[in-house]
Amino acid sequence: MSYLPAFFGRRALMLFLLGLAAALAGCSTKQAAPESTFVLLDGSSTRTSELKGKVVLVNFWATSCISCVAEMPKLVETHQKFQARGYETLAVAMSYDPPAYVVNFKNSRQLPFKVAIDNTGAVAKAWGEVKLTPTTFLVNKRGEIVKQYVGEPDFAALHQLIDKLLAES
């Protein structure tokens, strides 16, 4: 009979975890993407509000980040696969990344999407104090953050989610 307290303890824990999972499954974790001004490499700028109506991937990265450099071809492939359907990629270089390195990276890799430099760190701060790279946010057509990734996303699952979000009205 000495096992009964441990059994009931584990059972209570399991019931709690199941209840928590059920509660979280029903919750909407969508939050509005922060209003930010992205300064692009060509000197122009775009604001978060201007991206509404599109599914947008906002990727915080750095040229010195090995994981960022490794995932960049997959970001290019994703952009090319979905751009005709209203998908946009916005790569935001971190404030510590030398602008000349960012320009060279964009040109040498022929990145087909918008690249911004967060010179002051204000954009990373607005998006939740982003410090780790790569950190990526997927934003739906209504301007809500649907998913956040720290590290490289599972691109097959990401593509399924993008496809689903693009199909929404």
N, C-alpha and C. Protein backbone atom coordinates (compact mmCIF):
# COMPACT_ATOMS: atom_id res chain seq x y z
N MET A 1 0.80 -1.20 0.00
CA MET A 1 0.00 0.00 0.00
C MET A 1 0.84 1.26 0.00
N SER A 2 2.14 1.13 0.20
CA SER A 2 2.99 2.31 0.24
C SER A 2 3.08 3.00 -1.11
N TYR A 3 2.73 2.31 -2.19
CA TYR A 3 2.78 2.92 -3.52
C TYR A 3 1.60 3.83 -3.80
N LEU A 4 0.52 3.75 -3.03
CA LEU A 4 -0.67 4.53 -3.29
C LEU A 4 -0.44 6.04 -3.28
N PRO A 5 0.26 6.62 -2.32
CA PRO A 5 0.46 8.06 -2.38
C PRO A 5 1.21 8.49 -3.64
N ALA A 6 2.22 7.71 -4.03
CA ALA A 6 2.97 8.05 -5.24
C ALA A 6 2.07 7.91 -6.47
N PHE A 7 1.23 6.87 -6.49
CA PHE A 7 0.32 6.66 -7.60
C PHE A 7 -0.64 7.83 -7.75
N PHE A 8 -1.26 8.21 -6.63
CA PHE A 8 -2.20 9.32 -6.69
C PHE A 8 -1.48 10.63 -7.04
N GLY A 9 -0.23 10.78 -6.61
CA GLY A 9 0.54 11.97 -6.96
C GLY A 9 0.78 12.03 -8.46
N ARG A 10 1.17 10.92 -9.04
CA ARG A 10 1.41 10.88 -10.49
C ARG A 10 0.11 11.05 -11.26
N ARG A 11 -0.94 10.43 -10.76
CA ARG A 11 -2.23 10.54 -11.43
C ARG A 11 -2.73 11.99 -11.40
N ALA A 12 -2.60 12.62 -10.25
CA ALA A 12 -3.01 14.02 -10.13
C ALA A 12 -2.19 14.89 -11.08
N LEU A 13 -0.89 14.62 -11.16
CA LEU A 13 -0.03 15.37 -12.07
C LEU A 13 -0.46 15.15 -13.52
N MET A 14 -0.74 13.89 -13.88
CA MET A 14 -1.17 13.60 -15.25
C MET A 14 -2.48 14.31 -15.59
N LEU A 15 -3.43 14.31 -14.65
CA LEU A 15 -4.71 14.99 -14.89
C LEU A 15 -4.50 16.49 -15.04
N PHE A 16 -3.64 17.05 -14.22
CA PHE A 16 -3.34 18.47 -14.31
C PHE A 16 -2.74 18.80 -15.67
N LEU A 17 -1.75 17.98 -16.10
CA LEU A 17 -1.10 18.24 -17.39
C LEU A 17 -2.08 18.08 -18.55
N LEU A 18 -2.95 17.09 -18.47
CA LEU A 18 -3.96 16.91 -19.53
C LEU A 18 -4.91 18.10 -19.57
N GLY A 19 -5.32 18.57 -18.40
CA GLY A 19 -6.20 19.74 -18.34
C GLY A 19 -5.52 20.98 -18.88
N LEU A 20 -4.26 21.15 -18.51
CA LEU A 20 -3.49 22.29 -19.01
C LEU A 20 -3.35 22.24 -20.52
N ALA A 21 -3.03 21.07 -21.05
CA ALA A 21 -2.90 20.92 -22.50
C ALA A 21 -4.22 21.23 -23.20
N ALA A 22 -5.31 20.75 -22.64
CA ALA A 22 -6.63 21.02 -23.24
C ALA A 22 -6.94 22.51 -23.21
N ALA A 23 -6.62 23.16 -22.11
CA ALA A 23 -6.88 24.59 -21.99
C ALA A 23 -6.03 25.38 -22.98
N LEU A 24 -4.77 25.01 -23.09
CA LEU A 24 -3.89 25.72 -24.02
C LEU A 24 -4.27 25.48 -25.47
N ALA A 25 -4.76 24.28 -25.77
CA ALA A 25 -5.15 23.97 -27.15
C ALA A 25 -6.28 24.87 -27.61
N GLY A 26 -7.14 25.29 -26.68
CA GLY A 26 -8.25 26.14 -27.05
C GLY A 26 -7.92 27.62 -27.04
N CYS A 27 -6.76 27.99 -26.55
CA CYS A 27 -6.40 29.40 -26.43
C CYS A 27 -5.83 29.92 -27.73
N SER A 28 -6.13 31.13 -28.03
CA SER A 28 -5.51 31.80 -29.16
C SER A 28 -4.29 32.55 -28.65
N THR A 29 -3.15 32.21 -29.18
CA THR A 29 -1.92 32.87 -28.73
C THR A 29 -1.52 33.96 -29.71
N LYS A 30 -2.38 34.27 -30.64
CA LYS A 30 -2.06 35.29 -31.63
C LYS A 30 -2.01 36.67 -30.98
N GLN A 31 -0.98 37.40 -31.30
CA GLN A 31 -0.87 38.77 -30.83
C GLN A 31 -0.49 39.64 -32.02
N ALA A 32 -0.85 40.88 -31.97
CA ALA A 32 -0.55 41.80 -33.06
C ALA A 32 0.96 41.96 -33.20
N ALA A 33 1.42 41.95 -34.43
CA ALA A 33 2.84 42.22 -34.67
C ALA A 33 3.12 43.67 -34.27
N PRO A 34 4.24 43.91 -33.61
CA PRO A 34 4.52 45.28 -33.16
C PRO A 34 4.72 46.23 -34.33
N GLU A 35 4.23 47.45 -34.17
CA GLU A 35 4.42 48.46 -35.22
C GLU A 35 5.89 48.86 -35.19
N SER A 36 6.55 48.64 -36.31
CA SER A 36 7.98 48.93 -36.44
C SER A 36 8.24 49.55 -37.80
N THR A 37 9.33 50.29 -37.87
CA THR A 37 9.81 50.81 -39.15
C THR A 37 11.08 50.05 -39.50
N PHE A 38 11.06 49.39 -40.64
CA PHE A 38 12.19 48.61 -41.11
C PHE A 38 12.94 49.46 -42.15
N VAL A 39 14.20 49.77 -41.89
CA VAL A 39 15.01 50.54 -42.84
C VAL A 39 15.71 49.53 -43.74
N LEU A 40 15.36 49.58 -45.02
CA LEU A 40 15.88 48.62 -45.98
C LEU A 40 17.25 49.06 -46.51
N LEU A 41 17.95 48.12 -47.11
CA LEU A 41 19.30 48.40 -47.60
C LEU A 41 19.36 49.50 -48.65
N ASP A 42 18.28 49.66 -49.41
CA ASP A 42 18.28 50.70 -50.44
C ASP A 42 17.95 52.08 -49.88
N GLY A 43 17.78 52.17 -48.55
CA GLY A 43 17.49 53.45 -47.91
C GLY A 43 16.01 53.72 -47.72
N SER A 44 15.18 52.94 -48.37
CA SER A 44 13.73 53.11 -48.18
C SER A 44 13.34 52.44 -46.86
N SER A 45 12.09 52.59 -46.52
CA SER A 45 11.62 51.94 -45.31
C SER A 45 10.22 51.38 -45.53
N THR A 46 9.86 50.45 -44.68
CA THR A 46 8.52 49.89 -44.69
C THR A 46 8.10 49.72 -43.23
N ARG A 47 6.81 49.81 -43.02
CA ARG A 47 6.29 49.68 -41.66
C ARG A 47 5.48 48.38 -41.55
N THR A 48 5.36 47.90 -40.35
CA THR A 48 4.60 46.68 -40.11
C THR A 48 3.19 46.81 -40.69
N SER A 49 2.56 47.94 -40.49
CA SER A 49 1.18 48.13 -40.96
C SER A 49 1.06 48.02 -42.48
N GLU A 50 2.13 48.32 -43.20
CA GLU A 50 2.11 48.23 -44.67
C GLU A 50 2.14 46.78 -45.15
N LEU A 51 2.42 45.85 -44.26
CA LEU A 51 2.51 44.45 -44.65
C LEU A 51 1.20 43.70 -44.47
N LYS A 52 0.19 44.37 -43.90
CA LYS A 52 -1.10 43.71 -43.71
C LYS A 52 -1.65 43.30 -45.07
N GLY A 53 -2.35 42.18 -45.07
CA GLY A 53 -2.88 41.65 -46.32
C GLY A 53 -1.95 40.60 -46.92
N LYS A 54 -0.76 40.48 -46.35
CA LYS A 54 0.21 39.47 -46.80
C LYS A 54 0.56 38.58 -45.62
N VAL A 55 1.01 37.39 -45.93
CA VAL A 55 1.62 36.53 -44.92
C VAL A 55 3.10 36.89 -44.95
N VAL A 56 3.65 37.23 -43.79
CA VAL A 56 5.02 37.76 -43.74
C VAL A 56 5.87 36.94 -42.77
N LEU A 57 7.06 36.62 -43.22
CA LEU A 57 8.05 35.98 -42.37
C LEU A 57 9.09 37.05 -42.03
N VAL A 58 9.22 37.37 -40.75
CA VAL A 58 10.20 38.35 -40.28
C VAL A 58 11.31 37.56 -39.60
N ASN A 59 12.50 37.61 -40.20
CA ASN A 59 13.63 36.80 -39.74
C ASN A 59 14.74 37.71 -39.22
N PHE A 60 15.04 37.59 -37.92
CA PHE A 60 16.16 38.32 -37.33
C PHE A 60 17.40 37.44 -37.47
N TRP A 61 18.46 38.01 -38.03
CA TRP A 61 19.64 37.22 -38.38
C TRP A 61 20.89 38.08 -38.29
N ALA A 62 22.04 37.45 -38.51
CA ALA A 62 23.31 38.17 -38.55
C ALA A 62 24.27 37.41 -39.48
N THR A 63 25.12 38.15 -40.14
CA THR A 63 26.09 37.52 -41.04
C THR A 63 27.09 36.66 -40.27
N SER A 64 27.27 36.93 -38.98
CA SER A 64 28.20 36.16 -38.15
C SER A 64 27.56 34.92 -37.53
N CYS A 65 26.28 34.73 -37.78
CA CYS A 65 25.52 33.61 -37.20
C CYS A 65 25.55 32.43 -38.18
N ILE A 66 26.23 31.37 -37.78
CA ILE A 66 26.39 30.20 -38.67
C ILE A 66 25.04 29.60 -39.02
N SER A 67 24.14 29.49 -38.04
CA SER A 67 22.81 28.92 -38.30
C SER A 67 22.01 29.79 -39.26
N CYS A 68 22.17 31.12 -39.11
CA CYS A 68 21.45 32.05 -40.00
C CYS A 68 21.90 31.89 -41.44
N VAL A 69 23.21 31.81 -41.62
CA VAL A 69 23.78 31.66 -42.97
C VAL A 69 23.33 30.33 -43.56
N ALA A 70 23.31 29.28 -42.73
CA ALA A 70 22.92 27.95 -43.20
C ALA A 70 21.45 27.89 -43.61
N GLU A 71 20.58 28.62 -42.90
CA GLU A 71 19.15 28.55 -43.23
C GLU A 71 18.75 29.50 -44.37
N MET A 72 19.61 30.43 -44.72
CA MET A 72 19.25 31.45 -45.72
C MET A 72 18.81 30.85 -47.06
N PRO A 73 19.48 29.82 -47.60
CA PRO A 73 18.97 29.24 -48.86
C PRO A 73 17.55 28.69 -48.73
N LYS A 74 17.20 28.18 -47.56
CA LYS A 74 15.84 27.67 -47.34
C LYS A 74 14.84 28.82 -47.26
N LEU A 75 15.27 29.96 -46.72
CA LEU A 75 14.40 31.14 -46.70
C LEU A 75 14.17 31.64 -48.12
N VAL A 76 15.22 31.60 -48.93
CA VAL A 76 15.11 32.01 -50.34
C VAL A 76 14.13 31.08 -51.06
N GLU A 77 14.29 29.78 -50.86
CA GLU A 77 13.41 28.80 -51.50
C GLU A 77 11.96 29.01 -51.06
N THR A 78 11.75 29.24 -49.79
CA THR A 78 10.40 29.47 -49.25
C THR A 78 9.80 30.73 -49.88
N HIS A 79 10.60 31.79 -49.94
CA HIS A 79 10.13 33.05 -50.53
C HIS A 79 9.71 32.84 -52.00
N GLN A 80 10.55 32.16 -52.75
CA GLN A 80 10.26 31.94 -54.16
C GLN A 80 9.05 31.05 -54.37
N LYS A 81 8.85 30.11 -53.47
CA LYS A 81 7.71 29.19 -53.59
C LYS A 81 6.38 29.90 -53.38
N PHE A 82 6.33 30.88 -52.45
CA PHE A 82 5.06 31.46 -52.05
C PHE A 82 4.84 32.92 -52.44
N GLN A 83 5.85 33.61 -52.92
CA GLN A 83 5.72 35.06 -53.13
C GLN A 83 4.60 35.45 -54.08
N ALA A 84 4.33 34.65 -55.07
CA ALA A 84 3.28 34.99 -56.04
C ALA A 84 1.88 34.94 -55.42
N ARG A 85 1.77 34.33 -54.25
CA ARG A 85 0.46 34.17 -53.58
C ARG A 85 0.26 35.18 -52.46
N GLY A 86 1.15 36.17 -52.33
CA GLY A 86 0.96 37.18 -51.29
C GLY A 86 1.81 36.95 -50.06
N TYR A 87 2.94 36.30 -50.25
CA TYR A 87 3.88 36.02 -49.15
C TYR A 87 5.07 36.95 -49.28
N GLU A 88 5.54 37.42 -48.14
CA GLU A 88 6.68 38.35 -48.10
C GLU A 88 7.68 37.86 -47.06
N THR A 89 8.95 38.03 -47.37
CA THR A 89 10.01 37.74 -46.41
C THR A 89 10.72 39.05 -46.10
N LEU A 90 10.99 39.26 -44.84
CA LEU A 90 11.72 40.45 -44.40
C LEU A 90 12.83 39.98 -43.48
N ALA A 91 14.07 40.07 -43.94
CA ALA A 91 15.22 39.66 -43.15
C ALA A 91 15.79 40.89 -42.45
N VAL A 92 15.84 40.85 -41.13
CA VAL A 92 16.28 42.00 -40.34
C VAL A 92 17.64 41.68 -39.72
N ALA A 93 18.68 42.37 -40.21
CA ALA A 93 20.03 42.17 -39.68
C ALA A 93 20.13 42.86 -38.33
N MET A 94 20.77 42.20 -37.40
CA MET A 94 20.89 42.71 -36.03
C MET A 94 21.77 43.97 -35.99
N SER A 95 21.60 44.75 -34.94
CA SER A 95 22.29 46.04 -34.82
C SER A 95 23.81 45.91 -34.79
N TYR A 96 24.32 44.79 -34.33
CA TYR A 96 25.78 44.61 -34.24
C TYR A 96 26.41 44.14 -35.56
N ASP A 97 25.58 43.88 -36.55
CA ASP A 97 26.08 43.41 -37.84
C ASP A 97 26.54 44.60 -38.67
N PRO A 98 27.81 44.63 -39.10
CA PRO A 98 28.28 45.77 -39.90
C PRO A 98 27.49 45.89 -41.21
N PRO A 99 26.94 47.08 -41.49
CA PRO A 99 26.13 47.25 -42.70
C PRO A 99 26.82 46.77 -43.98
N ALA A 100 28.11 46.98 -44.10
CA ALA A 100 28.82 46.55 -45.31
C ALA A 100 28.77 45.02 -45.46
N TYR A 101 28.81 44.31 -44.35
CA TYR A 101 28.72 42.84 -44.41
C TYR A 101 27.33 42.41 -44.87
N VAL A 102 26.32 43.11 -44.38
CA VAL A 102 24.94 42.79 -44.73
C VAL A 102 24.71 43.03 -46.23
N VAL A 103 25.17 44.17 -46.72
CA VAL A 103 25.04 44.49 -48.15
C VAL A 103 25.76 43.45 -48.98
N ASN A 104 26.97 43.10 -48.60
CA ASN A 104 27.75 42.11 -49.33
C ASN A 104 27.04 40.75 -49.33
N PHE A 105 26.51 40.37 -48.19
CA PHE A 105 25.80 39.10 -48.08
C PHE A 105 24.58 39.08 -49.00
N LYS A 106 23.79 40.14 -48.95
CA LYS A 106 22.58 40.20 -49.79
C LYS A 106 22.94 40.12 -51.27
N ASN A 107 23.97 40.88 -51.67
CA ASN A 107 24.36 40.91 -53.08
C ASN A 107 25.00 39.59 -53.52
N SER A 108 25.90 39.06 -52.73
CA SER A 108 26.60 37.83 -53.13
C SER A 108 25.66 36.63 -53.16
N ARG A 109 24.65 36.61 -52.31
CA ARG A 109 23.69 35.49 -52.27
C ARG A 109 22.45 35.79 -53.11
N GLN A 110 22.39 36.98 -53.69
CA GLN A 110 21.25 37.41 -54.51
C GLN A 110 19.92 37.16 -53.80
N LEU A 111 19.82 37.66 -52.58
CA LEU A 111 18.60 37.47 -51.80
C LEU A 111 17.45 38.19 -52.50
N PRO A 112 16.35 37.48 -52.78
CA PRO A 112 15.24 38.06 -53.55
C PRO A 112 14.21 38.80 -52.70
N PHE A 113 14.46 38.92 -51.41
CA PHE A 113 13.49 39.55 -50.53
C PHE A 113 14.08 40.79 -49.86
N LYS A 114 13.22 41.50 -49.13
CA LYS A 114 13.63 42.72 -48.45
C LYS A 114 14.59 42.41 -47.30
N VAL A 115 15.67 43.21 -47.23
CA VAL A 115 16.63 43.07 -46.13
C VAL A 115 16.72 44.43 -45.45
N ALA A 116 16.55 44.40 -44.13
CA ALA A 116 16.61 45.62 -43.34
C ALA A 116 17.78 45.52 -42.37
N ILE A 117 18.27 46.68 -41.95
CA ILE A 117 19.30 46.73 -40.92
C ILE A 117 18.70 47.45 -39.71
N ASP A 118 18.77 46.78 -38.58
CA ASP A 118 18.25 47.34 -37.33
C ASP A 118 19.39 48.07 -36.61
N ASN A 119 19.82 49.21 -37.17
CA ASN A 119 20.98 49.93 -36.65
C ASN A 119 20.92 50.24 -35.16
N THR A 120 19.75 50.60 -34.67
CA THR A 120 19.63 51.04 -33.28
C THR A 120 19.20 49.92 -32.33
N GLY A 121 18.75 48.81 -32.88
CA GLY A 121 18.22 47.73 -32.05
C GLY A 121 16.76 47.92 -31.68
N ALA A 122 16.14 48.98 -32.16
CA ALA A 122 14.75 49.29 -31.80
C ALA A 122 13.78 48.24 -32.33
N VAL A 123 14.05 47.71 -33.51
CA VAL A 123 13.13 46.71 -34.09
C VAL A 123 13.21 45.42 -33.28
N ALA A 124 14.42 44.96 -32.98
CA ALA A 124 14.58 43.74 -32.18
C ALA A 124 13.94 43.92 -30.81
N LYS A 125 14.06 45.09 -30.24
CA LYS A 125 13.45 45.37 -28.93
C LYS A 125 11.93 45.30 -29.03
N ALA A 126 11.37 45.92 -30.07
CA ALA A 126 9.91 45.95 -30.24
C ALA A 126 9.34 44.55 -30.45
N TRP A 127 10.10 43.67 -31.06
CA TRP A 127 9.64 42.32 -31.36
C TRP A 127 9.95 41.35 -30.21
N GLY A 128 10.08 41.86 -29.01
CA GLY A 128 10.22 41.00 -27.84
C GLY A 128 11.65 40.86 -27.35
N GLU A 129 12.43 41.92 -27.52
CA GLU A 129 13.82 41.88 -27.05
C GLU A 129 14.60 40.73 -27.70
N VAL A 130 14.49 40.61 -29.03
CA VAL A 130 15.19 39.55 -29.74
C VAL A 130 16.70 39.72 -29.55
N LYS A 131 17.32 38.66 -29.06
CA LYS A 131 18.77 38.66 -28.88
C LYS A 131 19.42 37.47 -29.58
N LEU A 132 18.69 36.35 -29.65
CA LEU A 132 19.22 35.15 -30.28
C LEU A 132 18.89 35.13 -31.76
N THR A 133 19.85 34.70 -32.56
CA THR A 133 19.62 34.56 -33.99
C THR A 133 19.91 33.12 -34.39
N PRO A 134 19.14 32.62 -35.36
CA PRO A 134 17.99 33.27 -35.97
C PRO A 134 16.74 33.18 -35.07
N THR A 135 15.99 34.24 -35.08
CA THR A 135 14.66 34.27 -34.48
C THR A 135 13.71 34.72 -35.58
N THR A 136 12.67 33.96 -35.78
CA THR A 136 11.76 34.19 -36.90
C THR A 136 10.32 34.24 -36.42
N PHE A 137 9.57 35.17 -36.99
CA PHE A 137 8.15 35.32 -36.68
C PHE A 137 7.36 35.14 -37.97
N LEU A 138 6.25 34.41 -37.89
CA LEU A 138 5.34 34.28 -39.02
C LEU A 138 4.10 35.08 -38.68
N VAL A 139 3.75 36.01 -39.57
CA VAL A 139 2.65 36.95 -39.35
C VAL A 139 1.57 36.68 -40.40
N ASN A 140 0.32 36.60 -39.95
CA ASN A 140 -0.78 36.34 -40.89
C ASN A 140 -1.22 37.63 -41.59
N LYS A 141 -2.21 37.49 -42.46
CA LYS A 141 -2.69 38.63 -43.25
C LYS A 141 -3.30 39.74 -42.40
N ARG A 142 -3.74 39.41 -41.20
CA ARG A 142 -4.34 40.41 -40.30
C ARG A 142 -3.28 41.10 -39.45
N GLY A 143 -2.02 40.75 -39.65
CA GLY A 143 -0.95 41.39 -38.89
C GLY A 143 -0.74 40.79 -37.51
N GLU A 144 -1.14 39.54 -37.33
CA GLU A 144 -0.98 38.85 -36.05
C GLU A 144 0.17 37.85 -36.13
N ILE A 145 0.97 37.80 -35.10
CA ILE A 145 2.04 36.79 -35.03
C ILE A 145 1.39 35.45 -34.74
N VAL A 146 1.61 34.50 -35.65
CA VAL A 146 1.02 33.19 -35.51
C VAL A 146 2.02 32.19 -34.93
N LYS A 147 3.29 32.40 -35.21
CA LYS A 147 4.31 31.44 -34.77
C LYS A 147 5.63 32.17 -34.62
N GLN A 148 6.39 31.75 -33.62
CA GLN A 148 7.75 32.26 -33.42
C GLN A 148 8.69 31.06 -33.37
N TYR A 149 9.81 31.20 -34.03
CA TYR A 149 10.83 30.16 -34.03
C TYR A 149 12.13 30.76 -33.51
N VAL A 150 12.81 30.06 -32.62
CA VAL A 150 14.16 30.42 -32.23
C VAL A 150 15.01 29.26 -32.74
N GLY A 151 15.94 29.57 -33.63
CA GLY A 151 16.67 28.53 -34.34
C GLY A 151 15.98 28.27 -35.67
N GLU A 152 16.52 27.35 -36.41
CA GLU A 152 15.98 27.05 -37.73
C GLU A 152 14.63 26.34 -37.61
N PRO A 153 13.63 26.83 -38.34
CA PRO A 153 12.32 26.15 -38.30
C PRO A 153 12.36 24.81 -39.02
N ASP A 154 11.37 23.99 -38.75
CA ASP A 154 11.12 22.79 -39.54
C ASP A 154 10.46 23.32 -40.81
N PHE A 155 11.20 23.36 -41.92
CA PHE A 155 10.69 24.03 -43.11
C PHE A 155 9.51 23.32 -43.74
N ALA A 156 9.41 22.00 -43.63
CA ALA A 156 8.24 21.30 -44.17
C ALA A 156 6.98 21.76 -43.42
N ALA A 157 7.06 21.81 -42.10
CA ALA A 157 5.92 22.26 -41.30
C ALA A 157 5.65 23.75 -41.54
N LEU A 158 6.69 24.54 -41.68
CA LEU A 158 6.53 25.97 -41.97
C LEU A 158 5.80 26.16 -43.29
N HIS A 159 6.17 25.41 -44.31
CA HIS A 159 5.52 25.52 -45.62
C HIS A 159 4.03 25.18 -45.51
N GLN A 160 3.71 24.15 -44.72
CA GLN A 160 2.29 23.79 -44.53
C GLN A 160 1.53 24.92 -43.87
N LEU A 161 2.15 25.55 -42.87
CA LEU A 161 1.49 26.65 -42.16
C LEU A 161 1.33 27.86 -43.08
N ILE A 162 2.35 28.18 -43.85
CA ILE A 162 2.26 29.31 -44.80
C ILE A 162 1.14 29.05 -45.79
N ASP A 163 1.09 27.84 -46.32
CA ASP A 163 0.05 27.48 -47.29
C ASP A 163 -1.34 27.67 -46.68
N LYS A 164 -1.50 27.25 -45.43
CA LYS A 164 -2.78 27.40 -44.73
C LYS A 164 -3.11 28.87 -44.54
N LEU A 165 -2.14 29.68 -44.10
CA LEU A 165 -2.38 31.10 -43.87
C LEU A 165 -2.69 31.85 -45.16
N LEU A 166 -2.05 31.47 -46.25
CA LEU A 166 -2.31 32.11 -47.54
C LEU A 166 -3.73 31.81 -48.04
N ALA A 167 -4.26 30.65 -47.66
CA ALA A 167 -5.60 30.26 -48.08
C ALA A 167 -6.69 31.00 -47.31
N GLU A 168 -6.33 31.56 -46.14
CA GLU A 168 -7.31 32.30 -45.34
C GLU A 168 -7.65 33.63 -46.00
N SER A 169 -8.88 34.09 -45.77
CA SER A 169 -9.28 35.37 -46.35
C SER A 169 -9.02 36.49 -45.39
